[in-house]
Amino acid sequence: MSFLLDLRLPDQSGLEVFQGIRNLDARIPVVFVTTAKTADTAIEAMKQGAFDYLFKPLDLGQVRKVVGEAVEVSKRMRRAGGGDGDFA
């Protein structure tokens, strides 16, 4: 399991949603989607434990690669029984 999450959401920030996901299960990899204008926020998300971030417009090949890596990390963490959820 992994999530693609846009940093810019209509009713709250992606970082707020990210913190909610981390509170539920810190092992869930979250990949942020952002525009170049919000790159600083994406970097902040990485510091807080996000798996990765992708810039819009999205390249489908890159999305597949990063999400595939995130899913593999999630599987390994669950088999190993945990970890703190920090991917960086």
PDB file of N, CA and C in Angstrom:
ATOM      1  N   MET A   1       0.843  -1.170   0.000  1.00  0.00           N
ATOM      2  CA  MET A   1       0.000   0.000   0.000  1.00  0.00           C
ATOM      3  C   MET A   1       0.890   1.235   0.000  1.00  0.00           C
ATOM      4  N   SER A   2       0.482   2.216  -0.748  1.00  0.00           N
ATOM      5  CA  SER A   2       1.147   3.519  -0.741  1.00  0.00           C
ATOM      6  C   SER A   2       0.133   4.564  -1.199  1.00  0.00           C
ATOM      7  N   PHE A   3       0.459   5.818  -0.971  1.00  0.00           N
ATOM      8  CA  PHE A   3      -0.427   6.914  -1.354  1.00  0.00           C
ATOM      9  C   PHE A   3       0.305   7.896  -2.239  1.00  0.00           C
ATOM     10  N   LEU A   4      -0.409   8.397  -3.246  1.00  0.00           N
ATOM     11  CA  LEU A   4       0.003   9.578  -3.992  1.00  0.00           C
ATOM     12  C   LEU A   4      -0.827  10.716  -3.425  1.00  0.00           C
ATOM     13  N   LEU A   5      -0.180  11.774  -3.012  1.00  0.00           N
ATOM     14  CA  LEU A   5      -0.886  12.860  -2.336  1.00  0.00           C
ATOM     15  C   LEU A   5      -0.433  14.197  -2.885  1.00  0.00           C
ATOM     16  N   ASP A   6      -1.384  14.987  -3.346  1.00  0.00           N
ATOM     17  CA  ASP A   6      -1.075  16.324  -3.846  1.00  0.00           C
ATOM     18  C   ASP A   6      -0.857  17.255  -2.657  1.00  0.00           C
ATOM     19  N   LEU A   7       0.128  18.104  -2.750  1.00  0.00           N
ATOM     20  CA  LEU A   7       0.370  19.065  -1.677  1.00  0.00           C
ATOM     21  C   LEU A   7      -0.718  20.117  -1.601  1.00  0.00           C
ATOM     22  N   ARG A   8      -1.323  20.417  -2.738  1.00  0.00           N
ATOM     23  CA  ARG A   8      -2.371  21.452  -2.780  1.00  0.00           C
ATOM     24  C   ARG A   8      -3.732  20.780  -2.899  1.00  0.00           C
ATOM     25  N   LEU A   9      -4.476  20.802  -1.818  1.00  0.00           N
ATOM     26  CA  LEU A   9      -5.816  20.236  -1.786  1.00  0.00           C
ATOM     27  C   LEU A   9      -6.812  21.359  -1.547  1.00  0.00           C
ATOM     28  N   PRO A  10      -8.065  21.188  -1.954  1.00  0.00           N
ATOM     29  CA  PRO A  10      -9.014  22.287  -1.845  1.00  0.00           C
ATOM     30  C   PRO A  10      -9.387  22.679  -0.414  1.00  0.00           C
ATOM     31  N   ASP A  11      -9.413  21.734   0.519  1.00  0.00           N
ATOM     32  CA  ASP A  11      -9.909  22.058   1.858  1.00  0.00           C
ATOM     33  C   ASP A  11      -8.878  21.990   2.973  1.00  0.00           C
ATOM     34  N   GLN A  12      -7.684  21.479   2.683  1.00  0.00           N
ATOM     35  CA  GLN A  12      -6.594  21.468   3.665  1.00  0.00           C
ATOM     36  C   GLN A  12      -5.287  21.203   2.939  1.00  0.00           C
ATOM     37  N   SER A  13      -4.197  21.350   3.645  1.00  0.00           N
ATOM     38  CA  SER A  13      -2.915  21.137   2.980  1.00  0.00           C
ATOM     39  C   SER A  13      -2.593  19.647   2.920  1.00  0.00           C
ATOM     40  N   GLY A  14      -1.839  19.281   1.915  1.00  0.00           N
ATOM     41  CA  GLY A  14      -1.387  17.898   1.800  1.00  0.00           C
ATOM     42  C   GLY A  14      -0.546  17.479   2.985  1.00  0.00           C
ATOM     43  N   LEU A  15       0.197  18.436   3.568  1.00  0.00           N
ATOM     44  CA  LEU A  15       1.003  18.108   4.746  1.00  0.00           C
ATOM     45  C   LEU A  15       0.123  17.718   5.937  1.00  0.00           C
ATOM     46  N   GLU A  16      -1.042  18.354   6.064  1.00  0.00           N
ATOM     47  CA  GLU A  16      -1.966  17.994   7.140  1.00  0.00           C
ATOM     48  C   GLU A  16      -2.496  16.580   6.935  1.00  0.00           C
ATOM     49  N   VAL A  17      -2.855  16.252   5.711  1.00  0.00           N
ATOM     50  CA  VAL A  17      -3.328  14.905   5.412  1.00  0.00           C
ATOM     51  C   VAL A  17      -2.207  13.901   5.657  1.00  0.00           C
ATOM     52  N   PHE A  18      -0.999  14.255   5.246  1.00  0.00           N
ATOM     53  CA  PHE A  18       0.167  13.403   5.455  1.00  0.00           C
ATOM     54  C   PHE A  18       0.363  13.088   6.938  1.00  0.00           C
ATOM     55  N   GLN A  19       0.247  14.097   7.778  1.00  0.00           N
ATOM     56  CA  GLN A  19       0.406  13.865   9.214  1.00  0.00           C
ATOM     57  C   GLN A  19      -0.679  12.922   9.740  1.00  0.00           C
ATOM     58  N   GLY A  20      -1.886  13.040   9.207  1.00  0.00           N
ATOM     59  CA  GLY A  20      -2.952  12.119   9.592  1.00  0.00           C
ATOM     60  C   GLY A  20      -2.632  10.688   9.195  1.00  0.00           C
ATOM     61  N   ILE A  21      -2.092  10.503   7.987  1.00  0.00           N
ATOM     62  CA  ILE A  21      -1.690   9.169   7.535  1.00  0.00           C
ATOM     63  C   ILE A  21      -0.587   8.627   8.428  1.00  0.00           C
ATOM     64  N   ARG A  22       0.402   9.468   8.733  1.00  0.00           N
ATOM     65  CA  ARG A  22       1.510   9.045   9.606  1.00  0.00           C
ATOM     66  C   ARG A  22       1.009   8.644  10.987  1.00  0.00           C
ATOM     67  N   ASN A  23       0.000   9.351  11.489  1.00  0.00           N
ATOM     68  CA  ASN A  23      -0.560   9.012  12.796  1.00  0.00           C
ATOM     69  C   ASN A  23      -1.278   7.667  12.763  1.00  0.00           C
ATOM     70  N   LEU A  24      -1.908   7.341  11.628  1.00  0.00           N
ATOM     71  CA  LEU A  24      -2.588   6.052  11.498  1.00  0.00           C
ATOM     72  C   LEU A  24      -1.601   4.906  11.367  1.00  0.00           C
ATOM     73  N   ASP A  25      -0.619   5.072  10.489  1.00  0.00           N
ATOM     74  CA  ASP A  25       0.377   4.023  10.250  1.00  0.00           C
ATOM     75  C   ASP A  25       1.585   4.657   9.560  1.00  0.00           C
ATOM     76  N   ALA A  26       2.637   4.843  10.312  1.00  0.00           N
ATOM     77  CA  ALA A  26       3.833   5.511   9.792  1.00  0.00           C
ATOM     78  C   ALA A  26       4.558   4.672   8.745  1.00  0.00           C
ATOM     79  N   ARG A  27       4.168   3.403   8.591  1.00  0.00           N
ATOM     80  CA  ARG A  27       4.816   2.538   7.596  1.00  0.00           C
ATOM     81  C   ARG A  27       4.267   2.748   6.193  1.00  0.00           C
ATOM     82  N   ILE A  28       3.179   3.479   6.051  1.00  0.00           N
ATOM     83  CA  ILE A  28       2.581   3.687   4.729  1.00  0.00           C
ATOM     84  C   ILE A  28       3.407   4.728   3.964  1.00  0.00           C
ATOM     85  N   PRO A  29       4.004   4.325   2.837  1.00  0.00           N
ATOM     86  CA  PRO A  29       4.773   5.291   2.050  1.00  0.00           C
ATOM     87  C   PRO A  29       3.844   6.298   1.365  1.00  0.00           C
ATOM     88  N   VAL A  30       4.212   7.561   1.459  1.00  0.00           N
ATOM     89  CA  VAL A  30       3.449   8.627   0.815  1.00  0.00           C
ATOM     90  C   VAL A  30       4.355   9.329  -0.185  1.00  0.00           C
ATOM     91  N   VAL A  31       3.883   9.389  -1.434  1.00  0.00           N
ATOM     92  CA  VAL A  31       4.590  10.092  -2.499  1.00  0.00           C
ATOM     93  C   VAL A  31       3.795  11.354  -2.788  1.00  0.00           C
ATOM     94  N   PHE A  32       4.439  12.494  -2.647  1.00  0.00           N
ATOM     95  CA  PHE A  32       3.771  13.765  -2.904  1.00  0.00           C
ATOM     96  C   PHE A  32       3.857  14.139  -4.371  1.00  0.00           C
ATOM     97  N   VAL A  33       2.814  14.801  -4.831  1.00  0.00           N
ATOM     98  CA  VAL A  33       2.742  15.359  -6.177  1.00  0.00           C
ATOM     99  C   VAL A  33       2.682  16.870  -6.000  1.00  0.00           C
ATOM    100  N   THR A  34       3.504  17.580  -6.762  1.00  0.00           N
ATOM    101  CA  THR A  34       3.573  19.020  -6.568  1.00  0.00           C
ATOM    102  C   THR A  34       3.960  19.739  -7.850  1.00  0.00           C
ATOM    103  N   THR A  35       3.768  21.031  -7.838  1.00  0.00           N
ATOM    104  CA  THR A  35       4.270  21.875  -8.912  1.00  0.00           C
ATOM    105  C   THR A  35       5.639  22.400  -8.479  1.00  0.00           C
ATOM    106  N   ALA A  36       6.383  22.892  -9.411  1.00  0.00           N
ATOM    107  CA  ALA A  36       7.710  23.419  -9.080  1.00  0.00           C
ATOM    108  C   ALA A  36       7.620  24.551  -8.052  1.00  0.00           C
ATOM    109  N   LYS A  37       6.481  25.276  -8.053  1.00  0.00           N
ATOM    110  CA  LYS A  37       6.319  26.395  -7.123  1.00  0.00           C
ATOM    111  C   LYS A  37       6.276  25.945  -5.669  1.00  0.00           C
ATOM    112  N   THR A  38       5.893  24.701  -5.430  1.00  0.00           N
ATOM    113  CA  THR A  38       5.772  24.209  -4.056  1.00  0.00           C
ATOM    114  C   THR A  38       6.885  23.222  -3.704  1.00  0.00           C
ATOM    115  N   ALA A  39       8.004  23.303  -4.416  1.00  0.00           N
ATOM    116  CA  ALA A  39       9.108  22.376  -4.181  1.00  0.00           C
ATOM    117  C   ALA A  39       9.620  22.458  -2.743  1.00  0.00           C
ATOM    118  N   ASP A  40       9.670  23.644  -2.158  1.00  0.00           N
ATOM    119  CA  ASP A  40      10.140  23.771  -0.780  1.00  0.00           C
ATOM    120  C   ASP A  40       9.255  22.984   0.177  1.00  0.00           C
ATOM    121  N   THR A  41       7.960  22.986  -0.068  1.00  0.00           N
ATOM    122  CA  THR A  41       7.039  22.231   0.770  1.00  0.00           C
ATOM    123  C   THR A  41       7.264  20.736   0.589  1.00  0.00           C
ATOM    124  N   ALA A  42       7.528  20.301  -0.634  1.00  0.00           N
ATOM    125  CA  ALA A  42       7.800  18.888  -0.882  1.00  0.00           C
ATOM    126  C   ALA A  42       9.073  18.459  -0.157  1.00  0.00           C
ATOM    127  N   ILE A  43      10.066  19.302  -0.157  1.00  0.00           N
ATOM    128  CA  ILE A  43      11.306  18.993   0.561  1.00  0.00           C
ATOM    129  C   ILE A  43      11.033  18.903   2.059  1.00  0.00           C
ATOM    130  N   GLU A  44      10.189  19.775   2.568  1.00  0.00           N
ATOM    131  CA  GLU A  44       9.798  19.712   3.975  1.00  0.00           C
ATOM    132  C   GLU A  44       9.080  18.399   4.269  1.00  0.00           C
ATOM    133  N   ALA A  45       8.227  17.960   3.357  1.00  0.00           N
ATOM    134  CA  ALA A  45       7.533  16.682   3.527  1.00  0.00           C
ATOM    135  C   ALA A  45       8.533  15.527   3.587  1.00  0.00           C
ATOM    136  N   MET A  46       9.559  15.594   2.769  1.00  0.00           N
ATOM    137  CA  MET A  46      10.605  14.559   2.806  1.00  0.00           C
ATOM    138  C   MET A  46      11.295  14.556   4.166  1.00  0.00           C
ATOM    139  N   LYS A  47      11.560  15.715   4.707  1.00  0.00           N
ATOM    140  CA  LYS A  47      12.184  15.798   6.029  1.00  0.00           C
ATOM    141  C   LYS A  47      11.286  15.187   7.100  1.00  0.00           C
ATOM    142  N   GLN A  48       9.965  15.248   6.872  1.00  0.00           N
ATOM    143  CA  GLN A  48       9.007  14.699   7.830  1.00  0.00           C
ATOM    144  C   GLN A  48       8.733  13.218   7.598  1.00  0.00           C
ATOM    145  N   GLY A  49       9.371  12.620   6.584  1.00  0.00           N
ATOM    146  CA  GLY A  49       9.242  11.185   6.380  1.00  0.00           C
ATOM    147  C   GLY A  49       8.523  10.740   5.124  1.00  0.00           C
ATOM    148  N   ALA A  50       8.193  11.663   4.221  1.00  0.00           N
ATOM    149  CA  ALA A  50       7.566  11.256   2.962  1.00  0.00           C
ATOM    150  C   ALA A  50       8.526  10.358   2.185  1.00  0.00           C
ATOM    151  N   PHE A  51       7.983   9.462   1.392  1.00  0.00           N
ATOM    152  CA  PHE A  51       8.812   8.539   0.619  1.00  0.00           C
ATOM    153  C   PHE A  51       9.530   9.251  -0.521  1.00  0.00           C
ATOM    154  N   ASP A  52       8.802  10.089  -1.250  1.00  0.00           N
ATOM    155  CA  ASP A  52       9.378  10.784  -2.399  1.00  0.00           C
ATOM    156  C   ASP A  52       8.395  11.865  -2.845  1.00  0.00           C
ATOM    157  N   TYR A  53       8.777  12.623  -3.864  1.00  0.00           N
ATOM    158  CA  TYR A  53       7.849  13.570  -4.462  1.00  0.00           C
ATOM    159  C   TYR A  53       8.085  13.643  -5.964  1.00  0.00           C
ATOM    160  N   LEU A  54       7.011  13.926  -6.673  1.00  0.00           N
ATOM    161  CA  LEU A  54       7.040  14.031  -8.124  1.00  0.00           C
ATOM    162  C   LEU A  54       6.503  15.392  -8.532  1.00  0.00           C
ATOM    163  N   PHE A  55       7.051  15.928  -9.617  1.00  0.00           N
ATOM    164  CA  PHE A  55       6.607  17.226 -10.121  1.00  0.00           C
ATOM    165  C   PHE A  55       5.579  17.057 -11.229  1.00  0.00           C
ATOM    166  N   LYS A  56       4.610  17.973 -11.238  1.00  0.00           N
ATOM    167  CA  LYS A  56       3.641  18.060 -12.332  1.00  0.00           C
ATOM    168  C   LYS A  56       4.277  18.824 -13.485  1.00  0.00           C
ATOM    169  N   PRO A  57       3.939  18.514 -14.708  1.00  0.00           N
ATOM    170  CA  PRO A  57       3.080  17.412 -15.118  1.00  0.00           C
ATOM    171  C   PRO A  57       3.779  16.070 -14.885  1.00  0.00           C
ATOM    172  N   LEU A  58       2.984  15.089 -14.503  1.00  0.00           N
ATOM    173  CA  LEU A  58       3.534  13.790 -14.150  1.00  0.00           C
ATOM    174  C   LEU A  58       3.960  13.006 -15.379  1.00  0.00           C
ATOM    175  N   ASP A  59       5.055  12.304 -15.228  1.00  0.00           N
ATOM    176  CA  ASP A  59       5.530  11.366 -16.234  1.00  0.00           C
ATOM    177  C   ASP A  59       5.077   9.984 -15.771  1.00  0.00           C
ATOM    178  N   LEU A  60       4.240   9.314 -16.552  1.00  0.00           N
ATOM    179  CA  LEU A  60       3.650   8.050 -16.137  1.00  0.00           C
ATOM    180  C   LEU A  60       4.710   7.000 -15.800  1.00  0.00           C
ATOM    181  N   GLY A  61       5.778   6.963 -16.558  1.00  0.00           N
ATOM    182  CA  GLY A  61       6.857   6.017 -16.273  1.00  0.00           C
ATOM    183  C   GLY A  61       7.488   6.275 -14.917  1.00  0.00           C
ATOM    184  N   GLN A  62       7.705   7.530 -14.594  1.00  0.00           N
ATOM    185  CA  GLN A  62       8.281   7.897 -13.295  1.00  0.00           C
ATOM    186  C   GLN A  62       7.307   7.572 -12.162  1.00  0.00           C
ATOM    187  N   VAL A  63       6.009   7.808 -12.395  1.00  0.00           N
ATOM    188  CA  VAL A  63       5.000   7.476 -11.380  1.00  0.00           C
ATOM    189  C   VAL A  63       5.036   5.977 -11.099  1.00  0.00           C
ATOM    190  N   ARG A  64       5.039   5.178 -12.139  1.00  0.00           N
ATOM    191  CA  ARG A  64       5.085   3.710 -11.966  1.00  0.00           C
ATOM    192  C   ARG A  64       6.327   3.289 -11.188  1.00  0.00           C
ATOM    193  N   LYS A  65       7.464   3.860 -11.544  1.00  0.00           N
ATOM    194  CA  LYS A  65       8.725   3.495 -10.889  1.00  0.00           C
ATOM    195  C   LYS A  65       8.681   3.833  -9.401  1.00  0.00           C
ATOM    196  N   VAL A  66       8.324   5.068  -9.068  1.00  0.00           N
ATOM    197  CA  VAL A  66       8.339   5.516  -7.674  1.00  0.00           C
ATOM    198  C   VAL A  66       7.278   4.791  -6.848  1.00  0.00           C
ATOM    199  N   VAL A  67       6.084   4.620  -7.398  1.00  0.00           N
ATOM    200  CA  VAL A  67       5.035   3.917  -6.663  1.00  0.00           C
ATOM    201  C   VAL A  67       5.427   2.449  -6.476  1.00  0.00           C
ATOM    202  N   GLY A  68       6.010   1.842  -7.484  1.00  0.00           N
ATOM    203  CA  GLY A  68       6.485   0.459  -7.354  1.00  0.00           C
ATOM    204  C   GLY A  68       7.511   0.322  -6.240  1.00  0.00           C
ATOM    205  N   GLU A  69       8.443   1.268  -6.172  1.00  0.00           N
ATOM    206  CA  GLU A  69       9.444   1.254  -5.099  1.00  0.00           C
ATOM    207  C   GLU A  69       8.783   1.431  -3.737  1.00  0.00           C
ATOM    208  N   ALA A  70       7.810   2.325  -3.671  1.00  0.00           N
ATOM    209  CA  ALA A  70       7.109   2.578  -2.409  1.00  0.00           C
ATOM    210  C   ALA A  70       6.369   1.327  -1.938  1.00  0.00           C
ATOM    211  N   VAL A  71       5.722   0.645  -2.855  1.00  0.00           N
ATOM    212  CA  VAL A  71       4.993  -0.578  -2.508  1.00  0.00           C
ATOM    213  C   VAL A  71       5.962  -1.643  -2.012  1.00  0.00           C
ATOM    214  N   GLU A  72       7.097  -1.790  -2.662  1.00  0.00           N
ATOM    215  CA  GLU A  72       8.090  -2.770  -2.224  1.00  0.00           C
ATOM    216  C   GLU A  72       8.611  -2.454  -0.823  1.00  0.00           C
ATOM    217  N   VAL A  73       8.888  -1.195  -0.551  1.00  0.00           N
ATOM    218  CA  VAL A  73       9.342  -0.801   0.781  1.00  0.00           C
ATOM    219  C   VAL A  73       8.265  -1.108   1.816  1.00  0.00           C
ATOM    220  N   SER A  74       7.024  -0.823   1.478  1.00  0.00           N
ATOM    221  CA  SER A  74       5.919  -1.095   2.390  1.00  0.00           C
ATOM    222  C   SER A  74       5.828  -2.588   2.697  1.00  0.00           C
ATOM    223  N   LYS A  75       5.944  -3.414   1.686  1.00  0.00           N
ATOM    224  CA  LYS A  75       5.896  -4.870   1.883  1.00  0.00           C
ATOM    225  C   LYS A  75       7.031  -5.334   2.785  1.00  0.00           C
ATOM    226  N   ARG A  76       8.238  -4.847   2.541  1.00  0.00           N
ATOM    227  CA  ARG A  76       9.395  -5.247   3.362  1.00  0.00           C
ATOM    228  C   ARG A  76       9.214  -4.817   4.809  1.00  0.00           C
ATOM    229  N   MET A  77       8.703  -3.605   5.014  1.00  0.00           N
ATOM    230  CA  MET A  77       8.508  -3.108   6.380  1.00  0.00           C
ATOM    231  C   MET A  77       7.466  -3.942   7.112  1.00  0.00           C
ATOM    232  N   ARG A  78       6.415  -4.319   6.434  1.00  0.00           N
ATOM    233  CA  ARG A  78       5.364  -5.115   7.074  1.00  0.00           C
ATOM    234  C   ARG A  78       5.865  -6.517   7.398  1.00  0.00           C
ATOM    235  N   ARG A  79       6.654  -7.103   6.486  1.00  0.00           N
ATOM    236  CA  ARG A  79       7.228  -8.432   6.755  1.00  0.00           C
ATOM    237  C   ARG A  79       8.196  -8.374   7.933  1.00  0.00           C
ATOM    238  N   ALA A  80       8.947  -7.281   8.011  1.00  0.00           N
ATOM    239  CA  ALA A  80       9.942  -7.136   9.078  1.00  0.00           C
ATOM    240  C   ALA A  80       9.282  -6.759  10.406  1.00  0.00           C
ATOM    241  N   GLY A  81       8.013  -6.402  10.359  1.00  0.00           N
ATOM    242  CA  GLY A  81       7.306  -6.121  11.591  1.00  0.00           C
ATOM    243  C   GLY A  81       7.378  -4.694  12.071  1.00  0.00           C
ATOM    244  N   GLY A  82       7.668  -3.773  11.181  1.00  0.00           N
ATOM    245  CA  GLY A  82       7.556  -2.400  11.664  1.00  0.00           C
ATOM    246  C   GLY A  82       8.594  -1.468  11.145  1.00  0.00           C
ATOM    247  N   GLY A  83       9.268  -0.837  12.052  1.00  0.00           N
ATOM    248  CA  GLY A  83      10.131   0.282  11.722  1.00  0.00           C
ATOM    249  C   GLY A  83       9.419   1.546  12.093  1.00  0.00           C
ATOM    250  N   ASP A  84      10.110   2.649  11.989  1.00  0.00           N
ATOM    251  CA  ASP A  84       9.501   3.918  12.397  1.00  0.00           C
ATOM    252  C   ASP A  84       8.850   4.647  11.242  1.00  0.00           C
ATOM    253  N   GLY A  85       8.956   4.087  10.036  1.00  0.00           N
ATOM    254  CA  GLY A  85       8.288   4.698   8.913  1.00  0.00           C
ATOM    255  C   GLY A  85       9.091   5.756   8.193  1.00  0.00           C
ATOM    256  N   ASP A  86      10.319   6.016   8.615  1.00  0.00           N
ATOM    257  CA  ASP A  86      11.146   7.001   7.911  1.00  0.00           C
ATOM    258  C   ASP A  86      11.833   6.318   6.759  1.00  0.00           C
ATOM    259  N   PHE A  87      11.676   6.884   5.547  1.00  0.00           N
ATOM    260  CA  PHE A  87      12.172   6.257   4.344  1.00  0.00           C
ATOM    261  C   PHE A  87      13.458   6.885   3.848  1.00  0.00           C
ATOM    262  N   ALA A  88      13.731   8.102   4.251  1.00  0.00           N
ATOM    263  CA  ALA A  88      14.899   8.820   3.718  1.00  0.00           C
ATOM    264  C   ALA A  88      16.168   8.327   4.343  1.00  0.00           C
TER     265      ALA A  88
END
